[in-house]
Amino acid sequence: MDYNSNRKKLKLPEYGRNIHKMVDYVVSIEDREERNRAANQIIEIMGNMYPYLRDVSDFRHKLWDHIAIMSDFKLDIDYPYDPPRPETFLEKPKPVPYDHTPIKYRHYGKLIEKMIEQASQYEDGSPEKKQLIQMLANQMKKSFVVWNKETVNDDKILKDLEELSGGTLKIEQAPRLADARDILRTGGNSNKKKTKGANRKHK
């Protein structure tokens, strides 16, 4: 029996074995002009397999790259684009740089710390700074409640805000923060109820 497991492994299985056989045949053609014509025909067939990608800007470029890969980079034709180099696929991916800066309270996250740092630069007593304190405190409470799945006293949030700001965001008059029970019901998304209501209207 002729099983696929006994056949040559496909470079790009998404194109199927017949396309790979066509590419292998084109590689064996001795006349360069004929190879070019045959390769262009295969590109058209490959493109017809994914018509929904025709409007993608680099779609054609990818097809020519794929035909080079399927030929094991042995197809000698006049490529409209620079074909990929075999060694490119042997290179190890570059390491992704991660920010290893410690986060004091993980449930608030690094972004909150950066926002607190920015808010600290505003002039004391300015309307902008007061509004930022209110917004930051509310967001910190949402993050705390959603992360820990429990209620928290507003004083705790305001104390953490003052601590994270190094004392620059002191609260003279405690702002009213979002209710922890409402946050738990909506999962921290205040627009969830509105979205559900809008969906019901359109049904």
N, C-alpha and C. Protein backbone atom coordinates (compact mmCIF):
# COMPACT_ATOMS: atom_id res chain seq x y z
N MET A 1 0.84 -1.20 0.00
CA MET A 1 0.00 0.00 0.00
C MET A 1 0.88 1.25 0.00
N ASP A 2 0.38 2.30 -0.69
CA ASP A 2 1.13 3.55 -0.79
C ASP A 2 0.59 4.53 0.25
N TYR A 3 1.26 4.59 1.42
CA TYR A 3 0.83 5.47 2.50
C TYR A 3 1.60 6.78 2.45
N ASN A 4 0.93 7.85 2.89
CA ASN A 4 1.60 9.15 2.93
C ASN A 4 2.82 9.13 3.84
N SER A 5 2.76 8.30 4.88
CA SER A 5 3.89 8.22 5.81
C SER A 5 5.15 7.69 5.14
N ASN A 6 4.97 6.98 4.02
CA ASN A 6 6.12 6.44 3.29
C ASN A 6 6.60 7.38 2.19
N ARG A 7 5.84 8.43 1.95
CA ARG A 7 6.19 9.36 0.87
C ARG A 7 7.11 10.47 1.37
N LYS A 8 7.58 11.26 0.44
CA LYS A 8 8.43 12.39 0.75
C LYS A 8 7.66 13.40 1.61
N LYS A 9 8.32 13.89 2.64
CA LYS A 9 7.68 14.86 3.54
C LYS A 9 7.45 16.17 2.82
N LEU A 10 6.24 16.72 2.96
CA LEU A 10 5.89 17.97 2.29
C LEU A 10 6.49 19.16 3.04
N LYS A 11 7.09 20.09 2.29
CA LYS A 11 7.65 21.29 2.88
C LYS A 11 6.55 22.20 3.42
N LEU A 12 5.50 22.38 2.61
CA LEU A 12 4.35 23.21 3.00
C LEU A 12 3.07 22.40 2.78
N PRO A 13 2.65 21.62 3.76
CA PRO A 13 1.50 20.72 3.59
C PRO A 13 0.21 21.41 3.17
N GLU A 14 0.09 22.71 3.46
CA GLU A 14 -1.17 23.40 3.14
C GLU A 14 -1.44 23.46 1.64
N TYR A 15 -0.40 23.27 0.81
CA TYR A 15 -0.60 23.30 -0.64
C TYR A 15 -0.90 21.91 -1.21
N GLY A 16 -0.70 20.89 -0.44
CA GLY A 16 -1.00 19.54 -0.92
C GLY A 16 0.14 18.91 -1.71
N ARG A 17 0.03 17.60 -1.90
CA ARG A 17 1.10 16.86 -2.57
C ARG A 17 1.18 17.15 -4.06
N ASN A 18 0.04 17.40 -4.71
CA ASN A 18 0.07 17.65 -6.16
C ASN A 18 0.87 18.90 -6.51
N ILE A 19 0.70 19.96 -5.72
CA ILE A 19 1.46 21.19 -5.97
C ILE A 19 2.96 20.91 -5.79
N HIS A 20 3.31 20.15 -4.78
CA HIS A 20 4.71 19.81 -4.56
C HIS A 20 5.28 19.01 -5.73
N LYS A 21 4.45 18.12 -6.27
CA LYS A 21 4.90 17.34 -7.43
C LYS A 21 5.12 18.24 -8.65
N MET A 22 4.23 19.23 -8.81
CA MET A 22 4.38 20.17 -9.92
C MET A 22 5.69 20.94 -9.78
N VAL A 23 5.99 21.39 -8.55
CA VAL A 23 7.22 22.13 -8.32
C VAL A 23 8.44 21.26 -8.60
N ASP A 24 8.39 20.01 -8.17
CA ASP A 24 9.49 19.08 -8.44
C ASP A 24 9.70 18.91 -9.95
N TYR A 25 8.58 18.86 -10.69
CA TYR A 25 8.68 18.70 -12.14
C TYR A 25 9.31 19.94 -12.78
N VAL A 26 8.89 21.13 -12.30
CA VAL A 26 9.44 22.36 -12.88
C VAL A 26 10.95 22.42 -12.64
N VAL A 27 11.41 21.98 -11.48
CA VAL A 27 12.84 21.97 -11.19
C VAL A 27 13.60 21.12 -12.21
N SER A 28 12.96 20.06 -12.70
CA SER A 28 13.62 19.14 -13.63
C SER A 28 13.62 19.64 -15.08
N ILE A 29 12.86 20.70 -15.39
CA ILE A 29 12.81 21.23 -16.76
C ILE A 29 14.14 21.91 -17.10
N GLU A 30 14.71 21.56 -18.21
CA GLU A 30 16.04 22.08 -18.57
C GLU A 30 15.99 23.48 -19.16
N ASP A 31 14.97 23.77 -19.97
CA ASP A 31 14.88 25.08 -20.62
C ASP A 31 14.42 26.14 -19.61
N ARG A 32 15.18 27.21 -19.48
CA ARG A 32 14.89 28.23 -18.47
C ARG A 32 13.57 28.96 -18.74
N GLU A 33 13.34 29.30 -20.00
CA GLU A 33 12.09 30.01 -20.34
C GLU A 33 10.88 29.15 -20.03
N GLU A 34 11.00 27.88 -20.32
CA GLU A 34 9.88 26.97 -20.04
C GLU A 34 9.69 26.83 -18.53
N ARG A 35 10.80 26.82 -17.79
CA ARG A 35 10.71 26.76 -16.32
C ARG A 35 9.99 27.99 -15.78
N ASN A 36 10.34 29.15 -16.35
CA ASN A 36 9.68 30.40 -15.91
C ASN A 36 8.18 30.35 -16.15
N ARG A 37 7.80 29.88 -17.34
CA ARG A 37 6.36 29.81 -17.67
C ARG A 37 5.64 28.84 -16.74
N ALA A 38 6.25 27.69 -16.53
CA ALA A 38 5.63 26.68 -15.67
C ALA A 38 5.51 27.18 -14.22
N ALA A 39 6.54 27.87 -13.74
CA ALA A 39 6.51 28.41 -12.38
C ALA A 39 5.41 29.44 -12.23
N ASN A 40 5.21 30.29 -13.23
CA ASN A 40 4.14 31.28 -13.18
C ASN A 40 2.77 30.62 -13.16
N GLN A 41 2.63 29.51 -13.90
CA GLN A 41 1.36 28.78 -13.88
C GLN A 41 1.07 28.20 -12.50
N ILE A 42 2.11 27.67 -11.88
CA ILE A 42 1.93 27.12 -10.52
C ILE A 42 1.56 28.23 -9.54
N ILE A 43 2.16 29.39 -9.70
CA ILE A 43 1.84 30.53 -8.81
C ILE A 43 0.36 30.88 -8.94
N GLU A 44 -0.16 30.86 -10.18
CA GLU A 44 -1.58 31.17 -10.38
C GLU A 44 -2.46 30.13 -9.69
N ILE A 45 -2.07 28.86 -9.78
CA ILE A 45 -2.85 27.79 -9.14
C ILE A 45 -2.81 27.97 -7.62
N MET A 46 -1.64 28.27 -7.09
CA MET A 46 -1.50 28.48 -5.65
C MET A 46 -2.35 29.66 -5.19
N GLY A 47 -2.37 30.72 -5.99
CA GLY A 47 -3.16 31.90 -5.66
C GLY A 47 -4.65 31.61 -5.65
N ASN A 48 -5.10 30.74 -6.58
CA ASN A 48 -6.52 30.38 -6.65
C ASN A 48 -6.97 29.57 -5.43
N MET A 49 -6.01 28.97 -4.74
CA MET A 49 -6.36 28.19 -3.55
C MET A 49 -6.74 29.09 -2.39
N TYR A 50 -6.27 30.35 -2.43
CA TYR A 50 -6.55 31.29 -1.34
C TYR A 50 -7.02 32.62 -1.93
N PRO A 51 -8.19 32.63 -2.59
CA PRO A 51 -8.66 33.86 -3.25
C PRO A 51 -8.93 35.02 -2.29
N TYR A 52 -9.24 34.70 -1.04
CA TYR A 52 -9.55 35.75 -0.05
C TYR A 52 -8.30 36.52 0.37
N LEU A 53 -7.12 36.04 -0.05
CA LEU A 53 -5.88 36.74 0.30
C LEU A 53 -5.34 37.59 -0.85
N ARG A 54 -6.06 37.61 -1.97
CA ARG A 54 -5.55 38.30 -3.15
C ARG A 54 -5.33 39.79 -2.93
N ASP A 55 -6.12 40.39 -2.02
CA ASP A 55 -6.01 41.83 -1.77
C ASP A 55 -4.90 42.16 -0.77
N VAL A 56 -4.29 41.15 -0.18
CA VAL A 56 -3.19 41.40 0.75
C VAL A 56 -1.97 41.86 -0.04
N SER A 57 -1.34 42.92 0.42
CA SER A 57 -0.29 43.58 -0.36
C SER A 57 0.87 42.66 -0.71
N ASP A 58 1.32 41.85 0.23
CA ASP A 58 2.49 41.01 -0.03
C ASP A 58 2.13 39.56 -0.34
N PHE A 59 0.88 39.34 -0.78
CA PHE A 59 0.41 37.98 -1.05
C PHE A 59 1.23 37.31 -2.14
N ARG A 60 1.43 38.00 -3.26
CA ARG A 60 2.20 37.42 -4.37
C ARG A 60 3.65 37.13 -3.96
N HIS A 61 4.19 38.04 -3.19
CA HIS A 61 5.56 37.85 -2.72
C HIS A 61 5.68 36.55 -1.92
N LYS A 62 4.69 36.30 -1.06
CA LYS A 62 4.71 35.09 -0.24
C LYS A 62 4.60 33.84 -1.10
N LEU A 63 3.80 33.91 -2.16
CA LEU A 63 3.66 32.75 -3.04
C LEU A 63 4.99 32.38 -3.68
N TRP A 64 5.73 33.39 -4.13
CA TRP A 64 7.03 33.12 -4.75
C TRP A 64 8.02 32.60 -3.70
N ASP A 65 7.93 33.10 -2.50
CA ASP A 65 8.77 32.56 -1.43
C ASP A 65 8.43 31.09 -1.17
N HIS A 66 7.14 30.78 -1.20
CA HIS A 66 6.70 29.42 -0.92
C HIS A 66 7.14 28.44 -2.01
N ILE A 67 7.10 28.88 -3.25
CA ILE A 67 7.51 27.98 -4.32
C ILE A 67 9.01 27.70 -4.23
N ALA A 68 9.77 28.68 -3.77
CA ALA A 68 11.21 28.47 -3.56
C ALA A 68 11.44 27.48 -2.43
N ILE A 69 10.66 27.59 -1.37
CA ILE A 69 10.79 26.68 -0.24
C ILE A 69 10.42 25.26 -0.64
N MET A 70 9.31 25.12 -1.39
CA MET A 70 8.86 23.79 -1.81
C MET A 70 9.87 23.11 -2.73
N SER A 71 10.63 23.91 -3.48
CA SER A 71 11.65 23.33 -4.36
C SER A 71 12.96 23.06 -3.62
N ASP A 72 12.94 23.28 -2.31
CA ASP A 72 14.16 23.14 -1.51
C ASP A 72 15.24 24.10 -2.00
N PHE A 73 14.79 25.25 -2.52
CA PHE A 73 15.65 26.33 -3.01
C PHE A 73 16.48 25.91 -4.23
N LYS A 74 15.97 24.93 -4.97
CA LYS A 74 16.68 24.43 -6.16
C LYS A 74 16.09 24.98 -7.46
N LEU A 75 14.97 25.70 -7.37
CA LEU A 75 14.30 26.19 -8.57
C LEU A 75 15.01 27.43 -9.10
N ASP A 76 15.66 27.27 -10.25
CA ASP A 76 16.43 28.36 -10.86
C ASP A 76 15.57 29.04 -11.92
N ILE A 77 14.91 30.13 -11.52
CA ILE A 77 14.04 30.89 -12.42
C ILE A 77 14.28 32.38 -12.19
N ASP A 78 13.58 33.19 -13.00
CA ASP A 78 13.67 34.65 -12.84
C ASP A 78 12.59 35.09 -11.85
N TYR A 79 12.94 35.09 -10.58
CA TYR A 79 11.98 35.48 -9.54
C TYR A 79 11.67 36.98 -9.63
N PRO A 80 10.39 37.35 -9.49
CA PRO A 80 10.05 38.78 -9.47
C PRO A 80 10.47 39.46 -8.16
N TYR A 81 10.75 38.64 -7.16
CA TYR A 81 11.23 39.15 -5.88
C TYR A 81 12.49 38.37 -5.50
N ASP A 82 13.26 38.92 -4.60
CA ASP A 82 14.43 38.20 -4.11
C ASP A 82 13.96 36.97 -3.33
N PRO A 83 14.33 35.78 -3.76
CA PRO A 83 13.88 34.58 -3.03
C PRO A 83 14.56 34.48 -1.67
N PRO A 84 13.93 33.81 -0.73
CA PRO A 84 14.54 33.67 0.60
C PRO A 84 15.79 32.80 0.55
N ARG A 85 16.69 33.03 1.46
CA ARG A 85 17.94 32.26 1.54
C ARG A 85 17.73 31.07 2.48
N PRO A 86 18.26 29.90 2.14
CA PRO A 86 18.09 28.72 3.00
C PRO A 86 18.59 28.95 4.42
N GLU A 87 19.69 29.70 4.55
CA GLU A 87 20.26 29.90 5.88
C GLU A 87 19.35 30.73 6.79
N THR A 88 18.41 31.45 6.17
CA THR A 88 17.48 32.25 6.97
C THR A 88 16.68 31.36 7.92
N PHE A 89 16.37 30.15 7.45
CA PHE A 89 15.53 29.26 8.24
C PHE A 89 16.34 28.47 9.27
N LEU A 90 17.64 28.65 9.25
CA LEU A 90 18.50 27.99 10.24
C LEU A 90 18.88 28.92 11.37
N GLU A 91 18.61 30.21 11.18
CA GLU A 91 18.95 31.18 12.21
C GLU A 91 18.01 31.05 13.41
N LYS A 92 18.57 31.19 14.58
CA LYS A 92 17.76 31.16 15.79
C LYS A 92 17.03 32.50 15.93
N PRO A 93 15.79 32.46 16.39
CA PRO A 93 15.06 33.73 16.57
C PRO A 93 15.74 34.62 17.59
N LYS A 94 15.67 35.92 17.37
CA LYS A 94 16.29 36.86 18.30
C LYS A 94 15.51 36.86 19.61
N PRO A 95 16.21 36.92 20.72
CA PRO A 95 15.51 36.92 22.01
C PRO A 95 14.62 38.14 22.18
N VAL A 96 13.46 37.92 22.76
CA VAL A 96 12.52 39.01 23.01
C VAL A 96 12.93 39.73 24.30
N PRO A 97 13.17 41.03 24.22
CA PRO A 97 13.57 41.74 25.44
C PRO A 97 12.40 41.89 26.40
N TYR A 98 12.58 41.45 27.61
CA TYR A 98 11.55 41.56 28.62
C TYR A 98 11.96 42.59 29.68
N ASP A 99 10.98 43.28 30.17
CA ASP A 99 11.22 44.26 31.23
C ASP A 99 11.23 43.52 32.57
N HIS A 100 12.40 43.43 33.18
CA HIS A 100 12.52 42.71 34.44
C HIS A 100 12.44 43.65 35.65
N THR A 101 11.97 44.86 35.42
CA THR A 101 11.81 45.80 36.53
C THR A 101 10.77 45.23 37.51
N PRO A 102 11.12 45.14 38.77
CA PRO A 102 10.17 44.57 39.75
C PRO A 102 8.90 45.42 39.89
N ILE A 103 7.77 44.76 40.07
CA ILE A 103 6.49 45.43 40.29
C ILE A 103 6.13 45.27 41.76
N LYS A 104 5.88 46.35 42.45
CA LYS A 104 5.63 46.30 43.90
C LYS A 104 4.35 45.53 44.22
N TYR A 105 3.28 45.88 43.51
CA TYR A 105 2.01 45.18 43.68
C TYR A 105 1.56 44.64 42.32
N ARG A 106 1.65 43.34 42.15
CA ARG A 106 1.37 42.75 40.83
C ARG A 106 -0.08 42.95 40.39
N HIS A 107 -0.99 43.02 41.34
CA HIS A 107 -2.40 43.16 40.94
C HIS A 107 -2.68 44.53 40.33
N TYR A 108 -1.82 45.51 40.57
CA TYR A 108 -1.99 46.82 39.94
C TYR A 108 -1.30 46.86 38.57
N GLY A 109 -0.19 46.18 38.45
CA GLY A 109 0.51 46.13 37.17
C GLY A 109 1.49 47.27 36.97
N LYS A 110 2.37 47.10 35.99
CA LYS A 110 3.42 48.08 35.71
C LYS A 110 2.85 49.36 35.11
N LEU A 111 1.79 49.24 34.32
CA LEU A 111 1.21 50.41 33.67
C LEU A 111 0.69 51.41 34.68
N ILE A 112 0.06 50.92 35.75
CA ILE A 112 -0.44 51.81 36.79
C ILE A 112 0.71 52.57 37.43
N GLU A 113 1.82 51.87 37.67
CA GLU A 113 2.98 52.53 38.28
C GLU A 113 3.50 53.65 37.38
N LYS A 114 3.51 53.40 36.07
CA LYS A 114 3.97 54.43 35.13
C LYS A 114 3.00 55.62 35.11
N MET A 115 1.70 55.34 35.18
CA MET A 115 0.70 56.41 35.19
C MET A 115 0.81 57.24 36.47
N ILE A 116 1.08 56.57 37.58
CA ILE A 116 1.26 57.29 38.85
C ILE A 116 2.48 58.20 38.77
N GLU A 117 3.51 57.69 38.14
CA GLU A 117 4.73 58.49 37.97
C GLU A 117 4.45 59.75 37.15
N GLN A 118 3.64 59.61 36.10
CA GLN A 118 3.29 60.76 35.28
C GLN A 118 2.39 61.73 36.04
N ALA A 119 1.42 61.18 36.79
CA ALA A 119 0.48 62.04 37.53
C ALA A 119 1.20 62.84 38.61
N SER A 120 2.29 62.29 39.14
CA SER A 120 3.04 62.96 40.20
C SER A 120 3.69 64.25 39.71
N GLN A 121 3.85 64.38 38.41
CA GLN A 121 4.52 65.55 37.86
C GLN A 121 3.59 66.77 37.72
N TYR A 122 2.28 66.54 37.88
CA TYR A 122 1.34 67.66 37.78
C TYR A 122 1.43 68.54 39.04
N GLU A 123 1.04 69.77 38.88
CA GLU A 123 1.10 70.74 39.98
C GLU A 123 0.10 70.37 41.07
N ASP A 124 0.54 70.43 42.32
CA ASP A 124 -0.33 70.11 43.44
C ASP A 124 -1.55 71.01 43.46
N GLY A 125 -2.71 70.40 43.67
CA GLY A 125 -3.95 71.15 43.77
C GLY A 125 -4.59 71.50 42.44
N SER A 126 -3.94 71.15 41.32
CA SER A 126 -4.51 71.46 40.01
C SER A 126 -5.68 70.53 39.71
N PRO A 127 -6.68 71.02 38.94
CA PRO A 127 -7.83 70.16 38.60
C PRO A 127 -7.40 68.89 37.87
N GLU A 128 -6.36 69.00 37.02
CA GLU A 128 -5.89 67.83 36.28
C GLU A 128 -5.37 66.76 37.22
N LYS A 129 -4.61 67.18 38.23
CA LYS A 129 -4.05 66.21 39.16
C LYS A 129 -5.14 65.56 40.00
N LYS A 130 -6.12 66.33 40.42
CA LYS A 130 -7.23 65.78 41.20
C LYS A 130 -8.01 64.75 40.40
N GLN A 131 -8.23 65.07 39.11
CA GLN A 131 -8.97 64.14 38.25
C GLN A 131 -8.17 62.86 38.02
N LEU A 132 -6.85 63.01 37.84
CA LEU A 132 -5.99 61.84 37.63
C LEU A 132 -5.99 60.93 38.85
N ILE A 133 -5.95 61.55 40.05
CA ILE A 133 -5.97 60.77 41.28
C ILE A 133 -7.25 59.95 41.38
N GLN A 134 -8.37 60.59 41.03
CA GLN A 134 -9.67 59.90 41.05
C GLN A 134 -9.67 58.73 40.08
N MET A 135 -9.19 58.96 38.87
CA MET A 135 -9.18 57.91 37.85
C MET A 135 -8.23 56.77 38.23
N LEU A 136 -7.05 57.13 38.73
CA LEU A 136 -6.08 56.11 39.12
C LEU A 136 -6.59 55.26 40.28
N ALA A 137 -7.17 55.92 41.27
CA ALA A 137 -7.69 55.19 42.42
C ALA A 137 -8.79 54.22 42.01
N ASN A 138 -9.67 54.65 41.11
CA ASN A 138 -10.75 53.77 40.64
C ASN A 138 -10.18 52.58 39.87
N GLN A 139 -9.20 52.85 39.01
CA GLN A 139 -8.61 51.76 38.23
C GLN A 139 -7.87 50.78 39.14
N MET A 140 -7.18 51.31 40.16
CA MET A 140 -6.48 50.45 41.10
C MET A 140 -7.46 49.56 41.86
N LYS A 141 -8.61 50.12 42.22
CA LYS A 141 -9.60 49.33 42.94
C LYS A 141 -10.16 48.23 42.04
N LYS A 142 -10.43 48.58 40.78
CA LYS A 142 -10.92 47.57 39.84
C LYS A 142 -9.91 46.44 39.68
N SER A 143 -8.63 46.80 39.52
CA SER A 143 -7.58 45.80 39.34
C SER A 143 -7.46 44.92 40.58
N PHE A 144 -7.53 45.53 41.76
CA PHE A 144 -7.43 44.78 43.01
C PHE A 144 -8.57 43.78 43.12
N VAL A 145 -9.80 44.25 42.91
CA VAL A 145 -10.98 43.42 43.09
C VAL A 145 -11.03 42.29 42.06
N VAL A 146 -10.75 42.60 40.79
CA VAL A 146 -10.80 41.58 39.74
C VAL A 146 -9.72 40.53 39.95
N TRP A 147 -8.53 40.97 40.38
CA TRP A 147 -7.41 40.04 40.59
C TRP A 147 -7.66 39.14 41.80
N ASN A 148 -8.11 39.74 42.90
CA ASN A 148 -8.24 38.99 44.16
C ASN A 148 -9.64 38.43 44.39
N LYS A 149 -10.61 38.85 43.57
CA LYS A 149 -11.99 38.37 43.69
C LYS A 149 -12.55 38.62 45.11
N GLU A 150 -12.23 39.76 45.65
CA GLU A 150 -12.74 40.10 46.98
C GLU A 150 -12.84 41.62 47.09
N THR A 151 -13.66 42.07 48.05
CA THR A 151 -13.82 43.50 48.25
C THR A 151 -12.59 44.08 48.94
N VAL A 152 -12.45 45.40 48.86
CA VAL A 152 -11.30 46.06 49.48
C VAL A 152 -11.75 47.43 49.97
N ASN A 153 -11.22 47.84 51.10
CA ASN A 153 -11.54 49.13 51.68
C ASN A 153 -10.89 50.24 50.85
N ASP A 154 -11.62 51.34 50.64
CA ASP A 154 -11.08 52.46 49.86
C ASP A 154 -9.81 53.03 50.48
N ASP A 155 -9.75 52.99 51.81
CA ASP A 155 -8.56 53.51 52.48
C ASP A 155 -7.31 52.74 52.07
N LYS A 156 -7.45 51.44 51.86
CA LYS A 156 -6.33 50.60 51.43
C LYS A 156 -5.84 51.04 50.06
N ILE A 157 -6.78 51.31 49.13
CA ILE A 157 -6.42 51.75 47.78
C ILE A 157 -5.70 53.09 47.83
N LEU A 158 -6.25 54.03 48.58
CA LEU A 158 -5.65 55.37 48.68
C LEU A 158 -4.28 55.32 49.35
N LYS A 159 -4.12 54.42 50.32
CA LYS A 159 -2.83 54.26 50.98
C LYS A 159 -1.79 53.71 50.00
N ASP A 160 -2.21 52.72 49.18
CA ASP A 160 -1.31 52.14 48.18
C ASP A 160 -0.93 53.18 47.14
N LEU A 161 -1.90 54.01 46.76
CA LEU A 161 -1.64 55.06 45.77
C LEU A 161 -0.60 56.05 46.29
N GLU A 162 -0.75 56.42 47.55
CA GLU A 162 0.21 57.35 48.15
C GLU A 162 1.59 56.71 48.26
N GLU A 163 1.60 55.42 48.60
CA GLU A 163 2.88 54.71 48.74
C GLU A 163 3.59 54.58 47.40
N LEU A 164 2.84 54.18 46.36
CA LEU A 164 3.44 53.99 45.04
C LEU A 164 3.93 55.31 44.43
N SER A 165 3.32 56.41 44.84
CA SER A 165 3.73 57.72 44.31
C SER A 165 4.84 58.35 45.14
N GLY A 166 5.29 57.63 46.17
CA GLY A 166 6.34 58.18 47.02
C GLY A 166 5.86 59.36 47.83
N GLY A 167 4.55 59.41 48.10
CA GLY A 167 3.99 60.48 48.91
C GLY A 167 3.61 61.72 48.12
N THR A 168 3.78 61.69 46.78
CA THR A 168 3.47 62.89 45.97
C THR A 168 1.99 62.99 45.64
N LEU A 169 1.27 61.88 45.74
CA LEU A 169 -0.17 61.90 45.47
C LEU A 169 -0.91 61.70 46.78
N LYS A 170 -0.90 62.71 47.60
CA LYS A 170 -1.59 62.65 48.88
C LYS A 170 -3.05 63.04 48.70
N ILE A 171 -3.90 62.35 49.40
CA ILE A 171 -5.33 62.58 49.25
C ILE A 171 -5.82 63.46 50.39
N GLU A 172 -6.16 64.70 50.06
CA GLU A 172 -6.67 65.62 51.10
C GLU A 172 -8.10 65.27 51.44
N GLN A 173 -8.90 65.02 50.40
CA GLN A 173 -10.29 64.63 50.60
C GLN A 173 -10.52 63.34 49.83
N ALA A 174 -10.84 62.28 50.56
CA ALA A 174 -10.96 60.95 49.94
C ALA A 174 -12.04 60.97 48.86
N PRO A 175 -11.68 60.60 47.63
CA PRO A 175 -12.68 60.56 46.56
C PRO A 175 -13.57 59.34 46.71
N ARG A 176 -14.73 59.40 46.12
CA ARG A 176 -15.64 58.26 46.15
C ARG A 176 -15.26 57.31 45.03
N LEU A 177 -14.96 56.09 45.40
CA LEU A 177 -14.51 55.10 44.41
C LEU A 177 -15.65 54.17 44.01
N ALA A 178 -15.41 53.41 42.94
CA ALA A 178 -16.42 52.47 42.44
C ALA A 178 -16.73 51.42 43.50
N ASP A 179 -17.97 50.96 43.54
CA ASP A 179 -18.39 49.95 44.50
C ASP A 179 -17.81 48.60 44.11
N ALA A 180 -17.18 47.92 45.07
CA ALA A 180 -16.53 46.63 44.79
C ALA A 180 -17.52 45.59 44.29
N ARG A 181 -18.74 45.61 44.80
CA ARG A 181 -19.74 44.63 44.37
C ARG A 181 -20.11 44.81 42.90
N ASP A 182 -20.19 46.07 42.46
CA ASP A 182 -20.48 46.33 41.05
C ASP A 182 -19.33 45.84 40.16
N ILE A 183 -18.10 46.04 40.65
CA ILE A 183 -16.93 45.60 39.87
C ILE A 183 -16.94 44.09 39.72
N LEU A 184 -17.24 43.36 40.81
CA LEU A 184 -17.26 41.90 40.76
C LEU A 184 -18.36 41.38 39.85
N ARG A 185 -19.51 42.09 39.84
CA ARG A 185 -20.62 41.65 38.99
C ARG A 185 -20.29 41.81 37.52
N THR A 186 -19.58 42.88 37.17
CA THR A 186 -19.28 43.16 35.76
C THR A 186 -17.90 42.68 35.35
N GLY A 187 -17.14 42.10 36.29
CA GLY A 187 -15.79 41.65 35.96
C GLY A 187 -14.85 42.80 35.68
N GLY A 188 -15.13 43.98 36.23
CA GLY A 188 -14.26 45.13 36.02
C GLY A 188 -14.59 45.92 34.78
N ASN A 189 -15.61 45.48 34.02
CA ASN A 189 -15.97 46.18 32.78
C ASN A 189 -17.29 46.89 32.99
N SER A 190 -17.24 48.19 33.16
CA SER A 190 -18.45 48.96 33.45
C SER A 190 -19.38 49.05 32.26
N ASN A 191 -18.87 48.72 31.05
CA ASN A 191 -19.70 48.83 29.84
C ASN A 191 -20.38 47.52 29.49
N LYS A 192 -20.18 46.48 30.33
CA LYS A 192 -20.69 45.16 30.00
C LYS A 192 -22.21 45.14 29.91
N LYS A 193 -22.87 45.80 30.91
CA LYS A 193 -24.33 45.83 30.92
C LYS A 193 -24.87 46.55 29.70
N LYS A 194 -24.20 47.67 29.35
CA LYS A 194 -24.64 48.43 28.19
C LYS A 194 -24.53 47.59 26.93
N THR A 195 -23.44 46.83 26.81
CA THR A 195 -23.23 46.01 25.62
C THR A 195 -24.30 44.95 25.50
N LYS A 196 -24.64 44.30 26.65
CA LYS A 196 -25.66 43.27 26.62
C LYS A 196 -27.01 43.86 26.20
N GLY A 197 -27.31 45.06 26.73
CA GLY A 197 -28.57 45.69 26.37
C GLY A 197 -28.63 46.04 24.91
N ALA A 198 -27.50 46.50 24.36
CA ALA A 198 -27.44 46.86 22.94
C ALA A 198 -27.62 45.63 22.07
N ASN A 199 -27.03 44.50 22.50
CA ASN A 199 -27.17 43.26 21.74
C ASN A 199 -28.60 42.78 21.70
N ARG A 200 -29.31 42.93 22.84
CA ARG A 200 -30.71 42.50 22.87
C ARG A 200 -31.56 43.33 21.91
N LYS A 201 -31.22 44.61 21.78
CA LYS A 201 -32.01 45.47 20.89
C LYS A 201 -31.87 45.05 19.44
N HIS A 202 -30.65 44.55 19.08
CA HIS A 202 -30.40 44.22 17.69
C HIS A 202 -30.81 42.80 17.32
N LYS A 203 -31.26 42.01 18.32
CA LYS A 203 -31.68 40.64 18.03
C LYS A 203 -33.06 40.63 17.40
